[in-house]
Amino acid sequence: MIKFYLVVALFLGCILANELDSNQSNSTFRLSPAVCDAAATHAKHYATCGCPYVWGGSSCGCGSGGLDCSGLVYVSYREAGWTGIARVSDAQCAQGAKTSCSPKDTSACKIGDIFCYKFSGNTIDHVVMYIGGGKAAECPHTGLDCRVIDPYMEAYQFSRTC
């Protein structure tokens, strides 16, 4: 009977830990630099390997499958070991703390920071990931592959720290 309660307690603990991890929408958590660096490395890989843009895409075989902008961020962080990253742009930009990092001046940016954009409507609808050296990884829109870019200010709203 004790084993049963122990198994149930462990199971519930895993569910609770996963729920807390997936709901990190405030500034009380920080990711390790190793996770941020790994996420940026994955994003750069997808941005340079011929990964096509696919709306709603969240898997890329570099030439097959595809990613959208938030899919790039989502897959990159998950492959770096952080499973709490949200899947869509507006939810991703609600996670973590806002930072003074901006596309105009990347000197305050940390590798793995997310630039949040609002091109239409009232919600964030585009994200790119800062990968260092004044560059960002982006999956822009249908017809273009994911790519490495100079971050831009058009429709920029704010940044979230890694």
N, C-alpha and C. Protein backbone atom coordinates (compact mmCIF):
# COMPACT_ATOMS: atom_id res chain seq x y z
N MET A 1 0.82 -1.19 0.00
CA MET A 1 0.00 0.00 0.00
C MET A 1 0.87 1.26 0.00
N ILE A 2 1.98 1.22 0.70
CA ILE A 2 2.88 2.37 0.74
C ILE A 2 3.45 2.63 -0.66
N LYS A 3 3.79 1.56 -1.38
CA LYS A 3 4.30 1.71 -2.73
C LYS A 3 3.27 2.40 -3.62
N PHE A 4 2.00 2.05 -3.45
CA PHE A 4 0.94 2.65 -4.24
C PHE A 4 0.90 4.17 -4.00
N TYR A 5 0.93 4.59 -2.73
CA TYR A 5 0.90 6.02 -2.41
C TYR A 5 2.14 6.73 -2.93
N LEU A 6 3.27 6.06 -2.87
CA LEU A 6 4.50 6.65 -3.37
C LEU A 6 4.42 6.86 -4.89
N VAL A 7 3.90 5.88 -5.60
CA VAL A 7 3.75 6.00 -7.04
C VAL A 7 2.78 7.13 -7.38
N VAL A 8 1.66 7.19 -6.68
CA VAL A 8 0.68 8.25 -6.91
C VAL A 8 1.30 9.61 -6.62
N ALA A 9 2.04 9.73 -5.52
CA ALA A 9 2.67 11.00 -5.16
C ALA A 9 3.69 11.42 -6.22
N LEU A 10 4.47 10.48 -6.71
CA LEU A 10 5.44 10.80 -7.76
C LEU A 10 4.74 11.22 -9.04
N PHE A 11 3.67 10.51 -9.40
CA PHE A 11 2.91 10.84 -10.59
C PHE A 11 2.32 12.24 -10.49
N LEU A 12 1.68 12.54 -9.38
CA LEU A 12 1.09 13.87 -9.20
C LEU A 12 2.16 14.95 -9.16
N GLY A 13 3.30 14.64 -8.57
CA GLY A 13 4.41 15.59 -8.54
C GLY A 13 4.90 15.91 -9.95
N CYS A 14 4.99 14.90 -10.80
CA CYS A 14 5.40 15.12 -12.19
C CYS A 14 4.38 15.97 -12.94
N ILE A 15 3.11 15.70 -12.74
CA ILE A 15 2.07 16.49 -13.39
C ILE A 15 2.15 17.94 -12.93
N LEU A 16 2.29 18.16 -11.62
CA LEU A 16 2.37 19.50 -11.08
C LEU A 16 3.60 20.22 -11.61
N ALA A 17 4.75 19.56 -11.61
CA ALA A 17 5.98 20.18 -12.10
C ALA A 17 5.84 20.55 -13.57
N ASN A 18 5.25 19.68 -14.36
CA ASN A 18 5.06 19.97 -15.78
C ASN A 18 4.08 21.13 -15.96
N GLU A 19 3.03 21.18 -15.17
CA GLU A 19 2.05 22.26 -15.25
C GLU A 19 2.71 23.59 -14.90
N LEU A 20 3.51 23.61 -13.85
CA LEU A 20 4.20 24.84 -13.47
C LEU A 20 5.16 25.26 -14.57
N ASP A 21 5.88 24.29 -15.14
CA ASP A 21 6.84 24.58 -16.19
C ASP A 21 6.15 25.17 -17.40
N SER A 22 4.97 24.69 -17.75
CA SER A 22 4.29 25.15 -18.96
C SER A 22 3.54 26.46 -18.75
N ASN A 23 3.43 26.93 -17.53
CA ASN A 23 2.70 28.16 -17.26
C ASN A 23 3.60 29.29 -16.76
N GLN A 24 4.86 29.27 -17.13
CA GLN A 24 5.77 30.30 -16.67
C GLN A 24 5.55 31.57 -17.47
N SER A 25 4.61 32.38 -17.05
CA SER A 25 4.26 33.56 -17.82
C SER A 25 4.62 34.85 -17.09
N ASN A 26 5.49 34.74 -16.10
CA ASN A 26 5.90 35.96 -15.43
C ASN A 26 7.42 36.05 -15.42
N SER A 27 7.95 37.02 -14.74
CA SER A 27 9.39 37.26 -14.79
C SER A 27 10.14 36.56 -13.66
N THR A 28 9.54 35.59 -13.00
CA THR A 28 10.18 34.98 -11.84
C THR A 28 11.15 33.86 -12.20
N PHE A 29 11.24 33.47 -13.46
CA PHE A 29 12.16 32.42 -13.83
C PHE A 29 13.22 32.94 -14.79
N ARG A 30 14.36 32.29 -14.76
CA ARG A 30 15.44 32.58 -15.70
C ARG A 30 15.97 31.26 -16.22
N LEU A 31 16.25 31.21 -17.50
CA LEU A 31 16.85 30.03 -18.08
C LEU A 31 18.37 30.14 -17.97
N SER A 32 19.03 29.01 -17.91
CA SER A 32 20.49 29.03 -17.82
C SER A 32 21.07 29.50 -19.15
N PRO A 33 22.25 30.12 -19.10
CA PRO A 33 22.90 30.52 -20.35
C PRO A 33 23.13 29.33 -21.29
N ALA A 34 23.35 28.15 -20.73
CA ALA A 34 23.57 26.96 -21.56
C ALA A 34 22.31 26.63 -22.38
N VAL A 35 21.14 26.75 -21.77
CA VAL A 35 19.88 26.49 -22.49
C VAL A 35 19.66 27.57 -23.55
N CYS A 36 19.92 28.82 -23.21
CA CYS A 36 19.75 29.92 -24.16
C CYS A 36 20.69 29.74 -25.36
N ASP A 37 21.96 29.41 -25.08
CA ASP A 37 22.93 29.20 -26.16
C ASP A 37 22.53 28.02 -27.04
N ALA A 38 22.09 26.94 -26.42
CA ALA A 38 21.68 25.76 -27.19
C ALA A 38 20.46 26.07 -28.06
N ALA A 39 19.49 26.81 -27.51
CA ALA A 39 18.30 27.19 -28.29
C ALA A 39 18.71 28.03 -29.50
N ALA A 40 19.60 28.98 -29.29
CA ALA A 40 20.05 29.83 -30.39
C ALA A 40 20.81 29.02 -31.44
N THR A 41 21.59 28.04 -30.99
CA THR A 41 22.30 27.17 -31.93
C THR A 41 21.33 26.38 -32.79
N HIS A 42 20.27 25.84 -32.16
CA HIS A 42 19.24 25.12 -32.92
C HIS A 42 18.53 26.06 -33.90
N ALA A 43 18.19 27.27 -33.43
CA ALA A 43 17.49 28.23 -34.30
C ALA A 43 18.36 28.59 -35.50
N LYS A 44 19.65 28.81 -35.25
CA LYS A 44 20.56 29.15 -36.36
C LYS A 44 20.65 27.99 -37.34
N HIS A 45 20.69 26.77 -36.82
CA HIS A 45 20.73 25.59 -37.69
C HIS A 45 19.52 25.57 -38.62
N TYR A 46 18.31 25.72 -38.06
CA TYR A 46 17.10 25.69 -38.87
C TYR A 46 17.04 26.87 -39.84
N ALA A 47 17.63 28.00 -39.44
CA ALA A 47 17.61 29.19 -40.27
C ALA A 47 18.63 29.13 -41.41
N THR A 48 19.50 28.13 -41.41
CA THR A 48 20.53 28.04 -42.45
C THR A 48 20.51 26.72 -43.21
N CYS A 49 19.59 25.83 -42.90
CA CYS A 49 19.63 24.49 -43.51
C CYS A 49 18.57 24.27 -44.60
N GLY A 50 17.86 25.33 -44.96
CA GLY A 50 16.84 25.17 -46.00
C GLY A 50 15.48 24.77 -45.45
N CYS A 51 15.23 25.05 -44.18
CA CYS A 51 13.93 24.74 -43.58
C CYS A 51 12.87 25.68 -44.15
N PRO A 52 11.83 25.15 -44.78
CA PRO A 52 10.80 26.02 -45.36
C PRO A 52 9.86 26.59 -44.30
N TYR A 53 9.28 27.74 -44.62
CA TYR A 53 8.22 28.29 -43.78
C TYR A 53 6.95 27.50 -44.05
N VAL A 54 6.32 27.04 -42.97
CA VAL A 54 5.01 26.39 -43.05
C VAL A 54 4.19 26.93 -41.89
N TRP A 55 3.06 27.59 -42.19
CA TRP A 55 2.22 28.13 -41.13
C TRP A 55 1.79 27.01 -40.20
N GLY A 56 2.01 27.20 -38.90
CA GLY A 56 1.67 26.19 -37.90
C GLY A 56 2.68 25.07 -37.80
N GLY A 57 3.75 25.15 -38.58
CA GLY A 57 4.75 24.07 -38.60
C GLY A 57 5.59 24.01 -37.34
N SER A 58 5.86 22.80 -36.89
CA SER A 58 6.69 22.64 -35.69
C SER A 58 7.65 21.45 -35.81
N SER A 59 8.02 21.11 -37.06
CA SER A 59 9.07 20.11 -37.25
C SER A 59 9.72 20.38 -38.60
N CYS A 60 11.03 20.20 -38.64
CA CYS A 60 11.75 20.46 -39.87
C CYS A 60 12.86 19.46 -40.06
N GLY A 61 12.89 18.87 -41.23
CA GLY A 61 13.96 17.96 -41.59
C GLY A 61 14.96 18.64 -42.51
N CYS A 62 15.00 19.96 -42.50
CA CYS A 62 15.90 20.74 -43.36
C CYS A 62 15.69 20.38 -44.81
N GLY A 63 14.65 20.95 -45.36
CA GLY A 63 14.26 20.67 -46.73
C GLY A 63 12.90 19.98 -46.78
N SER A 64 12.48 19.44 -45.66
CA SER A 64 11.15 18.82 -45.57
C SER A 64 10.48 19.32 -44.30
N GLY A 65 9.18 19.10 -44.22
CA GLY A 65 8.45 19.62 -43.06
C GLY A 65 8.45 21.14 -43.14
N GLY A 66 8.59 21.78 -42.00
CA GLY A 66 8.68 23.23 -41.99
C GLY A 66 8.31 23.83 -40.65
N LEU A 67 8.64 25.08 -40.50
CA LEU A 67 8.39 25.83 -39.27
C LEU A 67 7.78 27.17 -39.60
N ASP A 68 6.98 27.69 -38.67
CA ASP A 68 6.60 29.09 -38.75
C ASP A 68 7.45 29.81 -37.70
N CYS A 69 7.22 31.10 -37.52
CA CYS A 69 8.10 31.88 -36.63
C CYS A 69 8.09 31.35 -35.20
N SER A 70 6.91 31.12 -34.65
CA SER A 70 6.85 30.63 -33.27
C SER A 70 7.25 29.16 -33.19
N GLY A 71 7.07 28.43 -34.28
CA GLY A 71 7.53 27.05 -34.33
C GLY A 71 9.04 26.96 -34.23
N LEU A 72 9.75 27.90 -34.86
CA LEU A 72 11.20 27.96 -34.77
C LEU A 72 11.64 28.15 -33.32
N VAL A 73 11.01 29.10 -32.63
CA VAL A 73 11.34 29.36 -31.22
C VAL A 73 10.98 28.16 -30.37
N TYR A 74 9.81 27.61 -30.58
CA TYR A 74 9.31 26.47 -29.82
C TYR A 74 10.24 25.26 -29.96
N VAL A 75 10.51 24.87 -31.18
CA VAL A 75 11.35 23.69 -31.43
C VAL A 75 12.76 23.91 -30.89
N SER A 76 13.31 25.10 -31.11
CA SER A 76 14.68 25.38 -30.67
C SER A 76 14.82 25.28 -29.16
N TYR A 77 13.87 25.86 -28.41
CA TYR A 77 13.94 25.77 -26.94
C TYR A 77 13.68 24.35 -26.45
N ARG A 78 12.75 23.66 -27.04
CA ARG A 78 12.48 22.28 -26.62
C ARG A 78 13.69 21.39 -26.87
N GLU A 79 14.34 21.57 -28.02
CA GLU A 79 15.53 20.77 -28.30
C GLU A 79 16.69 21.15 -27.38
N ALA A 80 16.65 22.35 -26.83
CA ALA A 80 17.67 22.79 -25.88
C ALA A 80 17.37 22.32 -24.46
N GLY A 81 16.19 21.72 -24.27
CA GLY A 81 15.86 21.15 -22.97
C GLY A 81 14.80 21.87 -22.18
N TRP A 82 14.26 22.99 -22.69
CA TRP A 82 13.21 23.70 -21.95
C TRP A 82 11.86 23.35 -22.57
N THR A 83 11.07 22.57 -21.84
CA THR A 83 9.77 22.13 -22.35
C THR A 83 8.65 23.11 -21.98
N GLY A 84 8.95 24.16 -21.25
CA GLY A 84 7.92 25.10 -20.83
C GLY A 84 7.62 26.20 -21.83
N ILE A 85 8.32 26.21 -22.95
CA ILE A 85 8.09 27.26 -23.94
C ILE A 85 6.70 27.09 -24.57
N ALA A 86 6.00 28.20 -24.67
CA ALA A 86 4.67 28.19 -25.30
C ALA A 86 4.81 27.95 -26.81
N ARG A 87 3.74 27.59 -27.48
CA ARG A 87 3.81 27.27 -28.90
C ARG A 87 3.56 28.46 -29.82
N VAL A 88 2.75 29.43 -29.41
CA VAL A 88 2.39 30.52 -30.32
C VAL A 88 3.03 31.84 -29.89
N SER A 89 3.18 32.75 -30.85
CA SER A 89 3.92 34.00 -30.65
C SER A 89 3.46 34.82 -29.46
N ASP A 90 2.16 35.09 -29.37
CA ASP A 90 1.70 35.96 -28.28
C ASP A 90 1.94 35.32 -26.92
N ALA A 91 1.80 34.02 -26.81
CA ALA A 91 2.08 33.34 -25.53
C ALA A 91 3.57 33.30 -25.25
N GLN A 92 4.40 33.12 -26.27
CA GLN A 92 5.85 33.14 -26.06
C GLN A 92 6.30 34.50 -25.55
N CYS A 93 5.69 35.55 -26.05
CA CYS A 93 6.07 36.90 -25.66
C CYS A 93 5.48 37.31 -24.31
N ALA A 94 4.68 36.44 -23.72
CA ALA A 94 4.18 36.66 -22.36
C ALA A 94 5.07 35.96 -21.34
N GLN A 95 6.01 35.14 -21.81
CA GLN A 95 6.89 34.39 -20.91
C GLN A 95 8.17 35.18 -20.67
N GLY A 96 8.71 35.04 -19.48
CA GLY A 96 9.97 35.70 -19.15
C GLY A 96 9.77 37.17 -18.88
N ALA A 97 10.87 37.86 -18.69
CA ALA A 97 10.84 39.29 -18.36
C ALA A 97 11.11 40.12 -19.61
N LYS A 98 10.50 41.28 -19.67
CA LYS A 98 10.84 42.21 -20.75
C LYS A 98 12.29 42.66 -20.51
N THR A 99 12.96 43.00 -21.60
CA THR A 99 14.35 43.40 -21.53
C THR A 99 14.58 44.66 -22.34
N SER A 100 15.67 45.36 -22.05
CA SER A 100 15.99 46.58 -22.80
C SER A 100 16.62 46.26 -24.15
N CYS A 101 16.84 45.01 -24.42
CA CYS A 101 17.35 44.57 -25.72
C CYS A 101 16.38 45.01 -26.81
N SER A 102 16.91 45.46 -27.94
CA SER A 102 16.04 45.80 -29.07
C SER A 102 16.77 45.56 -30.38
N PRO A 103 16.02 45.42 -31.47
CA PRO A 103 16.65 45.23 -32.77
C PRO A 103 17.52 46.42 -33.18
N LYS A 104 17.19 47.60 -32.67
CA LYS A 104 17.94 48.82 -33.02
C LYS A 104 19.31 48.82 -32.36
N ASP A 105 19.38 48.28 -31.14
CA ASP A 105 20.65 48.22 -30.40
C ASP A 105 20.72 46.87 -29.70
N THR A 106 21.44 45.94 -30.29
CA THR A 106 21.51 44.58 -29.74
C THR A 106 22.57 44.43 -28.66
N SER A 107 23.21 45.52 -28.26
CA SER A 107 24.28 45.41 -27.25
C SER A 107 23.77 44.89 -25.91
N ALA A 108 22.49 45.12 -25.61
CA ALA A 108 21.92 44.63 -24.34
C ALA A 108 21.27 43.25 -24.49
N CYS A 109 21.31 42.70 -25.69
CA CYS A 109 20.65 41.41 -25.94
C CYS A 109 21.50 40.24 -25.45
N LYS A 110 20.80 39.22 -24.98
CA LYS A 110 21.43 37.95 -24.64
C LYS A 110 21.04 36.95 -25.71
N ILE A 111 21.95 36.06 -26.02
CA ILE A 111 21.64 35.01 -26.97
C ILE A 111 20.40 34.26 -26.47
N GLY A 112 19.44 34.07 -27.36
CA GLY A 112 18.19 33.39 -27.02
C GLY A 112 17.04 34.33 -26.70
N ASP A 113 17.31 35.65 -26.60
CA ASP A 113 16.22 36.61 -26.39
C ASP A 113 15.26 36.56 -27.57
N ILE A 114 14.01 36.91 -27.33
CA ILE A 114 12.98 36.88 -28.37
C ILE A 114 12.50 38.29 -28.65
N PHE A 115 12.53 38.69 -29.94
CA PHE A 115 11.96 39.96 -30.37
C PHE A 115 10.50 39.69 -30.74
N CYS A 116 9.61 40.53 -30.23
CA CYS A 116 8.17 40.36 -30.41
C CYS A 116 7.62 41.47 -31.30
N TYR A 117 6.84 41.08 -32.30
CA TYR A 117 6.32 42.01 -33.30
C TYR A 117 4.80 41.91 -33.40
N LYS A 118 4.20 43.05 -33.79
CA LYS A 118 2.76 43.11 -34.01
C LYS A 118 2.53 43.75 -35.38
N PHE A 119 2.31 42.90 -36.38
CA PHE A 119 2.10 43.39 -37.74
C PHE A 119 0.63 43.69 -38.03
N SER A 120 -0.28 42.98 -37.38
CA SER A 120 -1.70 43.24 -37.61
C SER A 120 -2.48 42.87 -36.36
N GLY A 121 -3.59 43.52 -36.14
CA GLY A 121 -4.43 43.20 -34.99
C GLY A 121 -3.86 43.71 -33.68
N ASN A 122 -4.36 43.14 -32.59
CA ASN A 122 -4.00 43.60 -31.25
C ASN A 122 -3.07 42.66 -30.50
N THR A 123 -2.65 41.58 -31.13
CA THR A 123 -1.79 40.64 -30.43
C THR A 123 -0.47 40.47 -31.18
N ILE A 124 0.52 40.03 -30.45
CA ILE A 124 1.82 39.72 -31.04
C ILE A 124 1.60 38.62 -32.07
N ASP A 125 2.11 38.82 -33.29
CA ASP A 125 1.89 37.83 -34.33
C ASP A 125 3.18 37.39 -35.03
N HIS A 126 4.32 37.82 -34.51
CA HIS A 126 5.59 37.39 -35.11
C HIS A 126 6.69 37.46 -34.05
N VAL A 127 7.59 36.48 -34.10
CA VAL A 127 8.75 36.45 -33.20
C VAL A 127 9.99 36.06 -34.00
N VAL A 128 11.12 36.57 -33.55
CA VAL A 128 12.42 36.13 -34.04
C VAL A 128 13.32 35.93 -32.83
N MET A 129 14.34 35.09 -32.96
CA MET A 129 15.24 34.80 -31.84
C MET A 129 16.61 35.41 -32.10
N TYR A 130 17.12 36.15 -31.12
CA TYR A 130 18.46 36.70 -31.20
C TYR A 130 19.47 35.56 -31.06
N ILE A 131 20.42 35.48 -32.02
CA ILE A 131 21.39 34.37 -32.00
C ILE A 131 22.82 34.86 -31.79
N GLY A 132 23.00 36.15 -31.55
CA GLY A 132 24.33 36.70 -31.29
C GLY A 132 24.91 37.39 -32.51
N GLY A 133 25.93 38.20 -32.26
CA GLY A 133 26.61 38.90 -33.35
C GLY A 133 25.73 39.88 -34.10
N GLY A 134 24.70 40.40 -33.44
CA GLY A 134 23.79 41.34 -34.09
C GLY A 134 22.82 40.67 -35.05
N LYS A 135 22.68 39.35 -35.00
CA LYS A 135 21.84 38.60 -35.93
C LYS A 135 20.68 37.91 -35.20
N ALA A 136 19.64 37.57 -35.96
CA ALA A 136 18.49 36.86 -35.43
C ALA A 136 18.08 35.77 -36.41
N ALA A 137 17.43 34.74 -35.90
CA ALA A 137 16.87 33.66 -36.73
C ALA A 137 15.38 33.92 -36.88
N GLU A 138 14.89 33.76 -38.11
CA GLU A 138 13.50 34.08 -38.40
C GLU A 138 12.95 33.09 -39.43
N CYS A 139 11.70 32.73 -39.26
CA CYS A 139 10.91 32.05 -40.30
C CYS A 139 9.85 33.07 -40.70
N PRO A 140 10.03 33.75 -41.84
CA PRO A 140 9.24 34.95 -42.13
C PRO A 140 7.82 34.73 -42.61
N HIS A 141 7.62 34.05 -43.72
CA HIS A 141 6.28 33.87 -44.27
C HIS A 141 6.35 32.89 -45.43
N THR A 142 5.17 32.48 -45.89
CA THR A 142 5.07 31.53 -47.00
C THR A 142 5.90 32.02 -48.19
N GLY A 143 6.65 31.11 -48.77
CA GLY A 143 7.46 31.43 -49.94
C GLY A 143 8.92 31.68 -49.61
N LEU A 144 9.23 31.86 -48.33
CA LEU A 144 10.62 32.06 -47.93
C LEU A 144 11.01 31.00 -46.91
N ASP A 145 12.24 30.53 -47.00
CA ASP A 145 12.77 29.61 -45.99
C ASP A 145 13.13 30.39 -44.73
N CYS A 146 13.27 29.68 -43.64
CA CYS A 146 13.81 30.27 -42.43
C CYS A 146 15.19 30.82 -42.76
N ARG A 147 15.61 31.87 -42.05
CA ARG A 147 16.85 32.55 -42.43
C ARG A 147 17.45 33.31 -41.25
N VAL A 148 18.71 33.69 -41.41
CA VAL A 148 19.40 34.56 -40.46
C VAL A 148 19.30 35.98 -41.02
N ILE A 149 18.92 36.91 -40.15
CA ILE A 149 18.67 38.29 -40.58
C ILE A 149 19.34 39.29 -39.63
N ASP A 150 19.40 40.53 -40.09
CA ASP A 150 19.65 41.65 -39.19
C ASP A 150 18.28 41.99 -38.61
N PRO A 151 18.15 42.03 -37.28
CA PRO A 151 16.83 42.34 -36.70
C PRO A 151 16.33 43.71 -37.18
N TYR A 152 15.03 43.85 -37.31
CA TYR A 152 14.43 45.07 -37.85
C TYR A 152 13.46 45.68 -36.84
N MET A 153 13.22 46.98 -37.01
CA MET A 153 12.36 47.72 -36.09
C MET A 153 10.90 47.78 -36.54
N GLU A 154 10.61 47.53 -37.80
CA GLU A 154 9.24 47.58 -38.30
C GLU A 154 8.33 46.69 -37.46
N ALA A 155 7.29 47.26 -36.90
CA ALA A 155 6.26 46.56 -36.11
C ALA A 155 6.80 45.98 -34.80
N TYR A 156 8.04 46.31 -34.43
CA TYR A 156 8.64 45.80 -33.19
C TYR A 156 7.89 46.36 -31.98
N GLN A 157 7.65 45.49 -30.98
CA GLN A 157 6.93 45.90 -29.76
C GLN A 157 7.84 45.87 -28.53
N PHE A 158 8.47 44.74 -28.27
CA PHE A 158 9.34 44.58 -27.10
C PHE A 158 10.10 43.27 -27.23
N SER A 159 11.02 43.05 -26.29
CA SER A 159 11.80 41.80 -26.26
C SER A 159 11.59 41.09 -24.94
N ARG A 160 11.70 39.78 -24.98
CA ARG A 160 11.67 38.95 -23.78
C ARG A 160 13.02 38.29 -23.60
N THR A 161 13.50 38.29 -22.37
CA THR A 161 14.81 37.74 -22.09
C THR A 161 14.78 36.23 -21.99
N CYS A 162 15.88 35.64 -22.39
CA CYS A 162 16.01 34.19 -22.33
C CYS A 162 16.10 33.75 -20.88
